[in-house]
Amino acid sequence: MTKTLTAVLTVLSLAAGAAHAQTVVTDTDGNGTWSIEEMTAAYPDMTADLFQQIDVNGDGQIDADELQAAREQGLLAA
């Protein structure tokens, strides 16, 4: 019984984790922020207008706070 319960709980845990998975944006140049090219690789529907909307401070890069805010605002799919 314990093995069955453990197996069921493991499957449920894995399913819940997959439901909460977020799109990974890769910082290919290692500068700590994401360019429009890096964002487009993760989000193929990224447009210049959407990128500018997410880039709140206007520095031409998306930082972790801007990315999180965009996700929370529903601008980007998780």
PDB file of N, CA and C in Angstrom:
ATOM      1  N   MET A   1       0.818  -1.198   0.000  1.00  0.00           N
ATOM      2  CA  MET A   1       0.000   0.000   0.000  1.00  0.00           C
ATOM      3  C   MET A   1       0.867   1.269   0.000  1.00  0.00           C
ATOM      4  N   THR A   2       1.930   1.254   0.786  1.00  0.00           N
ATOM      5  CA  THR A   2       2.803   2.414   0.880  1.00  0.00           C
ATOM      6  C   THR A   2       3.468   2.703  -0.468  1.00  0.00           C
ATOM      7  N   LYS A   3       3.906   1.660  -1.177  1.00  0.00           N
ATOM      8  CA  LYS A   3       4.539   1.856  -2.475  1.00  0.00           C
ATOM      9  C   LYS A   3       3.556   2.439  -3.479  1.00  0.00           C
ATOM     10  N   THR A   4       2.310   1.984  -3.434  1.00  0.00           N
ATOM     11  CA  THR A   4       1.290   2.499  -4.342  1.00  0.00           C
ATOM     12  C   THR A   4       1.005   3.964  -4.046  1.00  0.00           C
ATOM     13  N   LEU A   5       0.864   4.291  -2.781  1.00  0.00           N
ATOM     14  CA  LEU A   5       0.605   5.676  -2.381  1.00  0.00           C
ATOM     15  C   LEU A   5       1.771   6.573  -2.785  1.00  0.00           C
ATOM     16  N   THR A   6       2.972   6.106  -2.574  1.00  0.00           N
ATOM     17  CA  THR A   6       4.155   6.879  -2.956  1.00  0.00           C
ATOM     18  C   THR A   6       4.180   7.110  -4.471  1.00  0.00           C
ATOM     19  N   ALA A   7       3.862   6.087  -5.241  1.00  0.00           N
ATOM     20  CA  ALA A   7       3.843   6.211  -6.695  1.00  0.00           C
ATOM     21  C   ALA A   7       2.789   7.215  -7.144  1.00  0.00           C
ATOM     22  N   VAL A   8       1.612   7.153  -6.558  1.00  0.00           N
ATOM     23  CA  VAL A   8       0.527   8.077  -6.909  1.00  0.00           C
ATOM     24  C   VAL A   8       0.919   9.507  -6.568  1.00  0.00           C
ATOM     25  N   LEU A   9       1.478   9.714  -5.394  1.00  0.00           N
ATOM     26  CA  LEU A   9       1.886  11.058  -4.990  1.00  0.00           C
ATOM     27  C   LEU A   9       3.006  11.589  -5.882  1.00  0.00           C
ATOM     28  N   THR A  10       3.899  10.731  -6.298  1.00  0.00           N
ATOM     29  CA  THR A  10       4.980  11.144  -7.200  1.00  0.00           C
ATOM     30  C   THR A  10       4.422  11.601  -8.544  1.00  0.00           C
ATOM     31  N   VAL A  11       3.497  10.838  -9.092  1.00  0.00           N
ATOM     32  CA  VAL A  11       2.885  11.199 -10.377  1.00  0.00           C
ATOM     33  C   VAL A  11       2.139  12.523 -10.258  1.00  0.00           C
ATOM     34  N   LEU A  12       1.378  12.693  -9.181  1.00  0.00           N
ATOM     35  CA  LEU A  12       0.642  13.946  -8.986  1.00  0.00           C
ATOM     36  C   LEU A  12       1.594  15.122  -8.827  1.00  0.00           C
ATOM     37  N   SER A  13       2.685  14.926  -8.138  1.00  0.00           N
ATOM     38  CA  SER A  13       3.673  15.989  -7.953  1.00  0.00           C
ATOM     39  C   SER A  13       4.304  16.386  -9.276  1.00  0.00           C
ATOM     40  N   LEU A  14       4.649  15.413 -10.097  1.00  0.00           N
ATOM     41  CA  LEU A  14       5.245  15.708 -11.405  1.00  0.00           C
ATOM     42  C   LEU A  14       4.254  16.430 -12.303  1.00  0.00           C
ATOM     43  N   ALA A  15       2.997  16.033 -12.265  1.00  0.00           N
ATOM     44  CA  ALA A  15       1.979  16.681 -13.088  1.00  0.00           C
ATOM     45  C   ALA A  15       1.785  18.127 -12.649  1.00  0.00           C
ATOM     46  N   ALA A  16       1.775  18.369 -11.356  1.00  0.00           N
ATOM     47  CA  ALA A  16       1.608  19.732 -10.850  1.00  0.00           C
ATOM     48  C   ALA A  16       2.801  20.592 -11.240  1.00  0.00           C
ATOM     49  N   GLY A  17       3.997  20.033 -11.197  1.00  0.00           N
ATOM     50  CA  GLY A  17       5.198  20.773 -11.580  1.00  0.00           C
ATOM     51  C   GLY A  17       5.163  21.170 -13.040  1.00  0.00           C
ATOM     52  N   ALA A  18       4.700  20.288 -13.897  1.00  0.00           N
ATOM     53  CA  ALA A  18       4.615  20.591 -15.323  1.00  0.00           C
ATOM     54  C   ALA A  18       3.606  21.697 -15.583  1.00  0.00           C
ATOM     55  N   ALA A  19       2.531  21.725 -14.819  1.00  0.00           N
ATOM     56  CA  ALA A  19       1.505  22.750 -15.000  1.00  0.00           C
ATOM     57  C   ALA A  19       2.026  24.128 -14.621  1.00  0.00           C
ATOM     58  N   HIS A  20       3.015  24.185 -13.743  1.00  0.00           N
ATOM     59  CA  HIS A  20       3.545  25.466 -13.291  1.00  0.00           C
ATOM     60  C   HIS A  20       4.873  25.824 -13.957  1.00  0.00           C
ATOM     61  N   ALA A  21       5.287  25.062 -14.945  1.00  0.00           N
ATOM     62  CA  ALA A  21       6.549  25.328 -15.631  1.00  0.00           C
ATOM     63  C   ALA A  21       6.470  26.652 -16.387  1.00  0.00           C
ATOM     64  N   GLN A  22       7.569  27.375 -16.392  1.00  0.00           N
ATOM     65  CA  GLN A  22       7.620  28.636 -17.117  1.00  0.00           C
ATOM     66  C   GLN A  22       8.551  28.501 -18.310  1.00  0.00           C
ATOM     67  N   THR A  23       8.272  29.296 -19.315  1.00  0.00           N
ATOM     68  CA  THR A  23       9.161  29.349 -20.467  1.00  0.00           C
ATOM     69  C   THR A  23      10.520  29.848 -20.000  1.00  0.00           C
ATOM     70  N   VAL A  24      11.548  29.181 -20.424  1.00  0.00           N
ATOM     71  CA  VAL A  24      12.909  29.569 -20.047  1.00  0.00           C
ATOM     72  C   VAL A  24      13.474  30.485 -21.126  1.00  0.00           C
ATOM     73  N   VAL A  25      13.952  31.638 -20.703  1.00  0.00           N
ATOM     74  CA  VAL A  25      14.609  32.572 -21.614  1.00  0.00           C
ATOM     75  C   VAL A  25      16.104  32.455 -21.343  1.00  0.00           C
ATOM     76  N   THR A  26      16.871  32.137 -22.378  1.00  0.00           N
ATOM     77  CA  THR A  26      18.303  31.899 -22.220  1.00  0.00           C
ATOM     78  C   THR A  26      19.099  33.172 -22.507  1.00  0.00           C
ATOM     79  N   ASP A  27      19.966  33.504 -21.570  1.00  0.00           N
ATOM     80  CA  ASP A  27      20.863  34.658 -21.711  1.00  0.00           C
ATOM     81  C   ASP A  27      22.113  34.189 -22.457  1.00  0.00           C
ATOM     82  N   THR A  28      22.032  34.136 -23.777  1.00  0.00           N
ATOM     83  CA  THR A  28      23.106  33.536 -24.573  1.00  0.00           C
ATOM     84  C   THR A  28      24.420  34.311 -24.523  1.00  0.00           C
ATOM     85  N   ASP A  29      24.359  35.621 -24.294  1.00  0.00           N
ATOM     86  CA  ASP A  29      25.612  36.388 -24.233  1.00  0.00           C
ATOM     87  C   ASP A  29      26.113  36.575 -22.800  1.00  0.00           C
ATOM     88  N   GLY A  30      25.374  36.088 -21.821  1.00  0.00           N
ATOM     89  CA  GLY A  30      25.827  36.100 -20.435  1.00  0.00           C
ATOM     90  C   GLY A  30      25.902  37.458 -19.779  1.00  0.00           C
ATOM     91  N   ASN A  31      25.157  38.443 -20.289  1.00  0.00           N
ATOM     92  CA  ASN A  31      25.238  39.786 -19.710  1.00  0.00           C
ATOM     93  C   ASN A  31      24.238  40.027 -18.581  1.00  0.00           C
ATOM     94  N   GLY A  32      23.425  39.027 -18.254  1.00  0.00           N
ATOM     95  CA  GLY A  32      22.492  39.165 -17.131  1.00  0.00           C
ATOM     96  C   GLY A  32      21.144  39.746 -17.500  1.00  0.00           C
ATOM     97  N   THR A  33      20.942  40.069 -18.766  1.00  0.00           N
ATOM     98  CA  THR A  33      19.656  40.568 -19.259  1.00  0.00           C
ATOM     99  C   THR A  33      19.358  39.873 -20.581  1.00  0.00           C
ATOM    100  N   TRP A  34      18.164  40.138 -21.126  1.00  0.00           N
ATOM    101  CA  TRP A  34      17.759  39.488 -22.369  1.00  0.00           C
ATOM    102  C   TRP A  34      17.491  40.522 -23.457  1.00  0.00           C
ATOM    103  N   SER A  35      18.067  40.275 -24.614  1.00  0.00           N
ATOM    104  CA  SER A  35      17.869  41.128 -25.788  1.00  0.00           C
ATOM    105  C   SER A  35      16.597  40.700 -26.501  1.00  0.00           C
ATOM    106  N   ILE A  36      16.203  41.457 -27.505  1.00  0.00           N
ATOM    107  CA  ILE A  36      15.027  41.080 -28.282  1.00  0.00           C
ATOM    108  C   ILE A  36      15.266  39.742 -28.990  1.00  0.00           C
ATOM    109  N   GLU A  37      16.486  39.478 -29.412  1.00  0.00           N
ATOM    110  CA  GLU A  37      16.790  38.199 -30.058  1.00  0.00           C
ATOM    111  C   GLU A  37      16.630  37.031 -29.078  1.00  0.00           C
ATOM    112  N   GLU A  38      17.109  37.215 -27.867  1.00  0.00           N
ATOM    113  CA  GLU A  38      16.987  36.169 -26.850  1.00  0.00           C
ATOM    114  C   GLU A  38      15.524  35.962 -26.457  1.00  0.00           C
ATOM    115  N   MET A  39      14.781  37.046 -26.367  1.00  0.00           N
ATOM    116  CA  MET A  39      13.355  36.933 -26.026  1.00  0.00           C
ATOM    117  C   MET A  39      12.583  36.263 -27.156  1.00  0.00           C
ATOM    118  N   THR A  40      12.924  36.588 -28.397  1.00  0.00           N
ATOM    119  CA  THR A  40      12.236  35.998 -29.547  1.00  0.00           C
ATOM    120  C   THR A  40      12.517  34.501 -29.647  1.00  0.00           C
ATOM    121  N   ALA A  41      13.708  34.071 -29.239  1.00  0.00           N
ATOM    122  CA  ALA A  41      14.020  32.637 -29.243  1.00  0.00           C
ATOM    123  C   ALA A  41      13.099  31.881 -28.287  1.00  0.00           C
ATOM    124  N   ALA A  42      12.758  32.501 -27.155  1.00  0.00           N
ATOM    125  CA  ALA A  42      11.874  31.858 -26.173  1.00  0.00           C
ATOM    126  C   ALA A  42      10.404  32.093 -26.486  1.00  0.00           C
ATOM    127  N   TYR A  43      10.101  33.266 -27.016  1.00  0.00           N
ATOM    128  CA  TYR A  43       8.727  33.668 -27.344  1.00  0.00           C
ATOM    129  C   TYR A  43       8.676  34.053 -28.828  1.00  0.00           C
ATOM    130  N   PRO A  44       8.418  33.096 -29.707  1.00  0.00           N
ATOM    131  CA  PRO A  44       8.444  33.373 -31.153  1.00  0.00           C
ATOM    132  C   PRO A  44       7.479  34.474 -31.605  1.00  0.00           C
ATOM    133  N   ASP A  45       6.458  34.753 -30.830  1.00  0.00           N
ATOM    134  CA  ASP A  45       5.503  35.811 -31.183  1.00  0.00           C
ATOM    135  C   ASP A  45       5.939  37.195 -30.693  1.00  0.00           C
ATOM    136  N   MET A  46       7.145  37.296 -30.136  1.00  0.00           N
ATOM    137  CA  MET A  46       7.645  38.579 -29.629  1.00  0.00           C
ATOM    138  C   MET A  46       7.725  39.588 -30.773  1.00  0.00           C
ATOM    139  N   THR A  47       7.224  40.780 -30.521  1.00  0.00           N
ATOM    140  CA  THR A  47       7.323  41.871 -31.494  1.00  0.00           C
ATOM    141  C   THR A  47       8.160  42.988 -30.885  1.00  0.00           C
ATOM    142  N   ALA A  48       8.608  43.900 -31.702  1.00  0.00           N
ATOM    143  CA  ALA A  48       9.363  45.046 -31.205  1.00  0.00           C
ATOM    144  C   ALA A  48       8.501  45.883 -30.257  1.00  0.00           C
ATOM    145  N   ASP A  49       7.223  46.027 -30.584  1.00  0.00           N
ATOM    146  CA  ASP A  49       6.326  46.809 -29.720  1.00  0.00           C
ATOM    147  C   ASP A  49       6.152  46.157 -28.350  1.00  0.00           C
ATOM    148  N   LEU A  50       5.968  44.821 -28.338  1.00  0.00           N
ATOM    149  CA  LEU A  50       5.818  44.118 -27.064  1.00  0.00           C
ATOM    150  C   LEU A  50       7.113  44.200 -26.267  1.00  0.00           C
ATOM    151  N   PHE A  51       8.237  44.044 -26.934  1.00  0.00           N
ATOM    152  CA  PHE A  51       9.526  44.142 -26.249  1.00  0.00           C
ATOM    153  C   PHE A  51       9.673  45.507 -25.582  1.00  0.00           C
ATOM    154  N   GLN A  52       9.332  46.562 -26.299  1.00  0.00           N
ATOM    155  CA  GLN A  52       9.420  47.914 -25.733  1.00  0.00           C
ATOM    156  C   GLN A  52       8.473  48.098 -24.557  1.00  0.00           C
ATOM    157  N   GLN A  53       7.315  47.473 -24.634  1.00  0.00           N
ATOM    158  CA  GLN A  53       6.353  47.562 -23.531  1.00  0.00           C
ATOM    159  C   GLN A  53       6.899  46.871 -22.280  1.00  0.00           C
ATOM    160  N   ILE A  54       7.576  45.750 -22.456  1.00  0.00           N
ATOM    161  CA  ILE A  54       8.150  45.003 -21.329  1.00  0.00           C
ATOM    162  C   ILE A  54       9.375  45.723 -20.779  1.00  0.00           C
ATOM    163  N   ASP A  55      10.154  46.356 -21.660  1.00  0.00           N
ATOM    164  CA  ASP A  55      11.390  47.058 -21.290  1.00  0.00           C
ATOM    165  C   ASP A  55      11.036  48.406 -20.656  1.00  0.00           C
ATOM    166  N   VAL A  56      10.579  48.350 -19.420  1.00  0.00           N
ATOM    167  CA  VAL A  56      10.050  49.533 -18.725  1.00  0.00           C
ATOM    168  C   VAL A  56      11.085  50.654 -18.621  1.00  0.00           C
ATOM    169  N   ASN A  57      12.340  50.321 -18.349  1.00  0.00           N
ATOM    170  CA  ASN A  57      13.343  51.377 -18.183  1.00  0.00           C
ATOM    171  C   ASN A  57      13.958  51.834 -19.500  1.00  0.00           C
ATOM    172  N   GLY A  58      13.570  51.204 -20.611  1.00  0.00           N
ATOM    173  CA  GLY A  58      13.985  51.661 -21.933  1.00  0.00           C
ATOM    174  C   GLY A  58      15.451  51.484 -22.275  1.00  0.00           C
ATOM    175  N   ASP A  59      16.122  50.533 -21.611  1.00  0.00           N
ATOM    176  CA  ASP A  59      17.548  50.352 -21.887  1.00  0.00           C
ATOM    177  C   ASP A  59      17.838  49.363 -23.022  1.00  0.00           C
ATOM    178  N   GLY A  60      16.790  48.853 -23.666  1.00  0.00           N
ATOM    179  CA  GLY A  60      16.978  47.927 -24.773  1.00  0.00           C
ATOM    180  C   GLY A  60      17.235  46.500 -24.349  1.00  0.00           C
ATOM    181  N   GLN A  61      17.088  46.218 -23.066  1.00  0.00           N
ATOM    182  CA  GLN A  61      17.281  44.881 -22.508  1.00  0.00           C
ATOM    183  C   GLN A  61      16.150  44.597 -21.511  1.00  0.00           C
ATOM    184  N   ILE A  62      15.806  43.328 -21.361  1.00  0.00           N
ATOM    185  CA  ILE A  62      14.816  42.915 -20.370  1.00  0.00           C
ATOM    186  C   ILE A  62      15.571  42.321 -19.193  1.00  0.00           C
ATOM    187  N   ASP A  63      15.350  42.868 -17.998  1.00  0.00           N
ATOM    188  CA  ASP A  63      15.981  42.286 -16.815  1.00  0.00           C
ATOM    189  C   ASP A  63      14.983  41.358 -16.120  1.00  0.00           C
ATOM    190  N   ALA A  64      15.428  40.683 -15.085  1.00  0.00           N
ATOM    191  CA  ALA A  64      14.598  39.686 -14.400  1.00  0.00           C
ATOM    192  C   ALA A  64      13.314  40.302 -13.843  1.00  0.00           C
ATOM    193  N   ASP A  65      13.393  41.503 -13.296  1.00  0.00           N
ATOM    194  CA  ASP A  65      12.203  42.158 -12.742  1.00  0.00           C
ATOM    195  C   ASP A  65      11.196  42.495 -13.841  1.00  0.00           C
ATOM    196  N   GLU A  66      11.697  42.977 -14.975  1.00  0.00           N
ATOM    197  CA  GLU A  66      10.804  43.301 -16.089  1.00  0.00           C
ATOM    198  C   GLU A  66      10.153  42.033 -16.651  1.00  0.00           C
ATOM    199  N   LEU A  67      10.921  40.956 -16.732  1.00  0.00           N
ATOM    200  CA  LEU A  67      10.377  39.696 -17.226  1.00  0.00           C
ATOM    201  C   LEU A  67       9.281  39.180 -16.295  1.00  0.00           C
ATOM    202  N   GLN A  68       9.549  39.203 -14.995  1.00  0.00           N
ATOM    203  CA  GLN A  68       8.563  38.740 -14.029  1.00  0.00           C
ATOM    204  C   GLN A  68       7.306  39.606 -14.072  1.00  0.00           C
ATOM    205  N   ALA A  69       7.472  40.904 -14.160  1.00  0.00           N
ATOM    206  CA  ALA A  69       6.324  41.814 -14.227  1.00  0.00           C
ATOM    207  C   ALA A  69       5.491  41.534 -15.482  1.00  0.00           C
ATOM    208  N   ALA A  70       6.153  41.288 -16.604  1.00  0.00           N
ATOM    209  CA  ALA A  70       5.438  40.999 -17.851  1.00  0.00           C
ATOM    210  C   ALA A  70       4.630  39.712 -17.716  1.00  0.00           C
ATOM    211  N   ARG A  71       5.189  38.711 -17.061  1.00  0.00           N
ATOM    212  CA  ARG A  71       4.465  37.462 -16.837  1.00  0.00           C
ATOM    213  C   ARG A  71       3.272  37.690 -15.920  1.00  0.00           C
ATOM    214  N   GLU A  72       3.480  38.439 -14.855  1.00  0.00           N
ATOM    215  CA  GLU A  72       2.400  38.714 -13.904  1.00  0.00           C
ATOM    216  C   GLU A  72       1.268  39.527 -14.545  1.00  0.00           C
ATOM    217  N   GLN A  73       1.610  40.411 -15.471  1.00  0.00           N
ATOM    218  CA  GLN A  73       0.622  41.237 -16.161  1.00  0.00           C
ATOM    219  C   GLN A  73      -0.046  40.491 -17.296  1.00  0.00           C
ATOM    220  N   GLY A  74       0.420  39.272 -17.586  1.00  0.00           N
ATOM    221  CA  GLY A  74      -0.169  38.491 -18.669  1.00  0.00           C
ATOM    222  C   GLY A  74       0.323  38.894 -20.044  1.00  0.00           C
ATOM    223  N   LEU A  75       1.399  39.676 -20.104  1.00  0.00           N
ATOM    224  CA  LEU A  75       1.953  40.063 -21.401  1.00  0.00           C
ATOM    225  C   LEU A  75       2.664  38.903 -22.073  1.00  0.00           C
ATOM    226  N   LEU A  76       3.166  37.979 -21.257  1.00  0.00           N
ATOM    227  CA  LEU A  76       3.869  36.798 -21.760  1.00  0.00           C
ATOM    228  C   LEU A  76       3.230  35.554 -21.168  1.00  0.00           C
ATOM    229  N   ALA A  77       3.145  34.527 -21.949  1.00  0.00           N
ATOM    230  CA  ALA A  77       2.691  33.249 -21.426  1.00  0.00           C
ATOM    231  C   ALA A  77       3.751  32.720 -20.470  1.00  0.00           C
ATOM    232  N   ALA A  78       3.312  32.028 -19.478  1.00  0.00           N
ATOM    233  CA  ALA A  78       4.245  31.442 -18.517  1.00  0.00           C
ATOM    234  C   ALA A  78       5.113  30.470 -19.178  1.00  0.00           C
TER     235      ALA A  78
END
